[in-house]
Amino acid sequence: MTKPIIIAYPCPKCGAGQAILPSKSEAVGMVLCAECGRKHGRLDEVQAEVANKAREESTHKMQQIYRNRPTGKNRSS
């Protein structure tokens, strides 16, 4: 029997920060909360959600970096 894979994934029901991946890496396998057992969705849905969130966070971070970047216009030579 294979050991379950635990990932960091927040549960909106109980607030736990871990989820259990399905034993087989099938797109239709259900991802469950490690604490309360809530179904987070199919593996492919959770993967898409995590990828979208990562893209949004990286876009936001890049906007912060470039908004705060000094332009050099006010520097004396």
N, C-alpha and C. Protein backbone atom coordinates (compact mmCIF):
# COMPACT_ATOMS: atom_id res chain seq x y z
N MET A 1 0.84 -1.18 0.00
CA MET A 1 0.00 0.00 0.00
C MET A 1 0.89 1.25 0.00
N THR A 2 0.52 2.22 -0.80
CA THR A 2 1.33 3.43 -0.88
C THR A 2 0.96 4.40 0.23
N LYS A 3 1.94 5.16 0.62
CA LYS A 3 1.77 6.15 1.67
C LYS A 3 1.10 7.39 1.08
N PRO A 4 0.10 7.98 1.77
CA PRO A 4 -0.56 9.16 1.21
C PRO A 4 0.38 10.36 1.14
N ILE A 5 0.16 11.19 0.15
CA ILE A 5 0.97 12.40 -0.02
C ILE A 5 0.21 13.58 0.55
N ILE A 6 0.87 14.30 1.46
CA ILE A 6 0.27 15.46 2.12
C ILE A 6 0.85 16.72 1.47
N ILE A 7 -0.04 17.66 1.14
CA ILE A 7 0.40 18.94 0.56
C ILE A 7 -0.12 20.08 1.41
N ALA A 8 0.49 21.23 1.29
CA ALA A 8 0.00 22.44 1.96
C ALA A 8 -1.16 22.98 1.14
N TYR A 9 -2.35 22.99 1.74
CA TYR A 9 -3.55 23.47 1.05
C TYR A 9 -4.56 23.83 2.14
N PRO A 10 -4.97 25.08 2.21
CA PRO A 10 -5.86 25.51 3.28
C PRO A 10 -7.29 25.00 3.12
N CYS A 11 -7.90 24.59 4.23
CA CYS A 11 -9.28 24.11 4.23
C CYS A 11 -10.19 25.24 4.69
N PRO A 12 -11.18 25.63 3.87
CA PRO A 12 -12.09 26.70 4.27
C PRO A 12 -13.05 26.27 5.38
N LYS A 13 -13.22 24.97 5.58
CA LYS A 13 -14.15 24.47 6.60
C LYS A 13 -13.54 24.48 8.00
N CYS A 14 -12.37 23.85 8.14
CA CYS A 14 -11.79 23.70 9.48
C CYS A 14 -10.54 24.55 9.70
N GLY A 15 -9.99 25.13 8.63
CA GLY A 15 -8.81 25.98 8.76
C GLY A 15 -7.49 25.23 8.75
N ALA A 16 -7.54 23.91 8.60
CA ALA A 16 -6.30 23.13 8.55
C ALA A 16 -5.51 23.52 7.31
N GLY A 17 -4.23 23.36 7.35
CA GLY A 17 -3.38 23.77 6.25
C GLY A 17 -2.85 22.65 5.41
N GLN A 18 -3.42 21.45 5.53
CA GLN A 18 -2.90 20.32 4.78
C GLN A 18 -4.03 19.55 4.12
N ALA A 19 -3.71 18.96 2.97
CA ALA A 19 -4.66 18.11 2.25
C ALA A 19 -3.95 16.84 1.82
N ILE A 20 -4.74 15.82 1.59
CA ILE A 20 -4.22 14.53 1.17
C ILE A 20 -4.52 14.34 -0.31
N LEU A 21 -3.48 14.05 -1.08
CA LEU A 21 -3.66 13.77 -2.50
C LEU A 21 -4.14 12.34 -2.67
N PRO A 22 -4.86 12.07 -3.77
CA PRO A 22 -5.29 10.70 -4.02
C PRO A 22 -4.09 9.77 -4.16
N SER A 23 -4.28 8.50 -3.80
CA SER A 23 -3.17 7.55 -3.82
C SER A 23 -2.63 7.34 -5.23
N LYS A 24 -3.48 7.42 -6.23
CA LYS A 24 -3.03 7.33 -7.62
C LYS A 24 -3.14 8.72 -8.21
N SER A 25 -2.17 9.12 -8.98
CA SER A 25 -2.17 10.46 -9.57
C SER A 25 -3.10 10.51 -10.78
N GLU A 26 -4.38 10.35 -10.52
CA GLU A 26 -5.38 10.43 -11.57
C GLU A 26 -6.09 11.78 -11.45
N ALA A 27 -6.39 12.39 -12.57
CA ALA A 27 -7.02 13.70 -12.59
C ALA A 27 -8.37 13.71 -11.88
N VAL A 28 -9.05 12.57 -11.87
CA VAL A 28 -10.38 12.52 -11.26
C VAL A 28 -10.33 12.12 -9.78
N GLY A 29 -9.13 11.86 -9.25
CA GLY A 29 -8.99 11.51 -7.84
C GLY A 29 -9.36 12.71 -6.97
N MET A 30 -9.96 12.45 -5.81
CA MET A 30 -10.43 13.51 -4.93
C MET A 30 -9.35 13.91 -3.93
N VAL A 31 -9.15 15.23 -3.78
CA VAL A 31 -8.22 15.79 -2.79
C VAL A 31 -9.04 16.07 -1.54
N LEU A 32 -8.55 15.56 -0.39
CA LEU A 32 -9.29 15.68 0.87
C LEU A 32 -8.50 16.46 1.91
N CYS A 33 -9.22 17.15 2.80
CA CYS A 33 -8.58 17.81 3.94
C CYS A 33 -7.99 16.75 4.85
N ALA A 34 -6.78 16.98 5.33
CA ALA A 34 -6.11 16.01 6.20
C ALA A 34 -6.75 15.96 7.59
N GLU A 35 -7.46 17.02 7.99
CA GLU A 35 -8.07 17.06 9.33
C GLU A 35 -9.52 16.61 9.32
N CYS A 36 -10.38 17.30 8.56
CA CYS A 36 -11.82 17.03 8.63
C CYS A 36 -12.34 16.15 7.50
N GLY A 37 -11.51 15.89 6.48
CA GLY A 37 -11.91 15.03 5.39
C GLY A 37 -12.75 15.72 4.32
N ARG A 38 -12.89 17.05 4.40
CA ARG A 38 -13.68 17.78 3.40
C ARG A 38 -13.10 17.54 2.01
N LYS A 39 -13.99 17.37 1.04
CA LYS A 39 -13.56 17.18 -0.34
C LYS A 39 -13.28 18.55 -0.94
N HIS A 40 -12.03 18.77 -1.37
CA HIS A 40 -11.64 20.04 -1.98
C HIS A 40 -11.93 20.04 -3.48
N GLY A 41 -12.07 18.90 -4.06
CA GLY A 41 -12.33 18.79 -5.49
C GLY A 41 -11.41 17.76 -6.12
N ARG A 42 -11.60 17.59 -7.42
CA ARG A 42 -10.75 16.65 -8.14
C ARG A 42 -9.33 17.19 -8.22
N LEU A 43 -8.38 16.29 -8.39
CA LEU A 43 -6.97 16.67 -8.44
C LEU A 43 -6.70 17.69 -9.54
N ASP A 44 -7.29 17.49 -10.72
CA ASP A 44 -7.05 18.44 -11.81
C ASP A 44 -7.62 19.82 -11.50
N GLU A 45 -8.74 19.88 -10.79
CA GLU A 45 -9.34 21.17 -10.40
C GLU A 45 -8.47 21.89 -9.37
N VAL A 46 -7.97 21.13 -8.39
CA VAL A 46 -7.12 21.72 -7.36
C VAL A 46 -5.81 22.21 -7.97
N GLN A 47 -5.24 21.43 -8.89
CA GLN A 47 -4.00 21.85 -9.57
C GLN A 47 -4.23 23.16 -10.33
N ALA A 48 -5.34 23.26 -11.04
CA ALA A 48 -5.64 24.49 -11.80
C ALA A 48 -5.83 25.67 -10.86
N GLU A 49 -6.51 25.45 -9.73
CA GLU A 49 -6.73 26.52 -8.75
C GLU A 49 -5.41 27.00 -8.16
N VAL A 50 -4.53 26.07 -7.80
CA VAL A 50 -3.24 26.43 -7.22
C VAL A 50 -2.38 27.18 -8.25
N ALA A 51 -2.40 26.73 -9.50
CA ALA A 51 -1.63 27.40 -10.55
C ALA A 51 -2.14 28.82 -10.78
N ASN A 52 -3.46 28.99 -10.81
CA ASN A 52 -4.05 30.33 -10.99
C ASN A 52 -3.69 31.25 -9.84
N LYS A 53 -3.76 30.73 -8.62
CA LYS A 53 -3.43 31.54 -7.45
C LYS A 53 -1.95 31.95 -7.48
N ALA A 54 -1.08 31.04 -7.87
CA ALA A 54 0.35 31.34 -7.95
C ALA A 54 0.61 32.43 -8.99
N ARG A 55 -0.08 32.34 -10.15
CA ARG A 55 0.07 33.37 -11.18
C ARG A 55 -0.41 34.72 -10.67
N GLU A 56 -1.55 34.75 -9.99
CA GLU A 56 -2.09 36.01 -9.45
C GLU A 56 -1.14 36.62 -8.43
N GLU A 57 -0.61 35.79 -7.54
CA GLU A 57 0.31 36.28 -6.51
C GLU A 57 1.61 36.79 -7.13
N SER A 58 2.12 36.10 -8.14
CA SER A 58 3.36 36.56 -8.76
C SER A 58 3.13 37.85 -9.54
N THR A 59 1.98 37.99 -10.18
CA THR A 59 1.65 39.23 -10.88
C THR A 59 1.56 40.38 -9.90
N HIS A 60 0.90 40.15 -8.78
CA HIS A 60 0.77 41.18 -7.74
C HIS A 60 2.14 41.58 -7.20
N LYS A 61 3.00 40.60 -6.96
CA LYS A 61 4.34 40.87 -6.44
C LYS A 61 5.16 41.67 -7.45
N MET A 62 5.07 41.32 -8.73
CA MET A 62 5.80 42.07 -9.76
C MET A 62 5.29 43.52 -9.82
N GLN A 63 4.00 43.71 -9.69
CA GLN A 63 3.45 45.06 -9.69
C GLN A 63 3.99 45.86 -8.51
N GLN A 64 4.10 45.23 -7.35
CA GLN A 64 4.66 45.90 -6.17
C GLN A 64 6.12 46.28 -6.41
N ILE A 65 6.87 45.36 -6.97
CA ILE A 65 8.30 45.61 -7.20
C ILE A 65 8.49 46.77 -8.16
N TYR A 66 7.79 46.74 -9.28
CA TYR A 66 7.98 47.78 -10.29
C TYR A 66 7.37 49.11 -9.88
N ARG A 67 6.35 49.10 -9.04
CA ARG A 67 5.78 50.34 -8.54
C ARG A 67 6.74 51.04 -7.59
N ASN A 68 7.51 50.28 -6.84
CA ASN A 68 8.43 50.84 -5.85
C ASN A 68 9.85 51.00 -6.36
N ARG A 69 10.09 50.67 -7.61
CA ARG A 69 11.45 50.73 -8.17
C ARG A 69 11.85 52.17 -8.42
N PRO A 70 13.00 52.58 -7.94
CA PRO A 70 13.47 53.95 -8.20
C PRO A 70 13.75 54.14 -9.69
N THR A 71 13.38 55.29 -10.21
CA THR A 71 13.56 55.54 -11.64
C THR A 71 14.88 56.24 -11.94
N GLY A 72 15.47 56.88 -10.96
CA GLY A 72 16.72 57.59 -11.17
C GLY A 72 16.55 58.99 -11.69
N LYS A 73 15.31 59.45 -11.83
CA LYS A 73 15.06 60.78 -12.36
C LYS A 73 15.51 61.89 -11.45
N ASN A 74 15.47 61.66 -10.15
CA ASN A 74 15.79 62.71 -9.19
C ASN A 74 17.21 62.64 -8.66
N ARG A 75 18.03 61.76 -9.21
CA ARG A 75 19.40 61.63 -8.74
C ARG A 75 20.26 62.74 -9.34
N SER A 76 21.15 63.26 -8.52
CA SER A 76 22.09 64.27 -9.06
C SER A 76 23.29 63.56 -9.64
N SER A 77 23.86 64.11 -10.69
CA SER A 77 24.97 63.46 -11.38
C SER A 77 26.30 63.86 -10.80
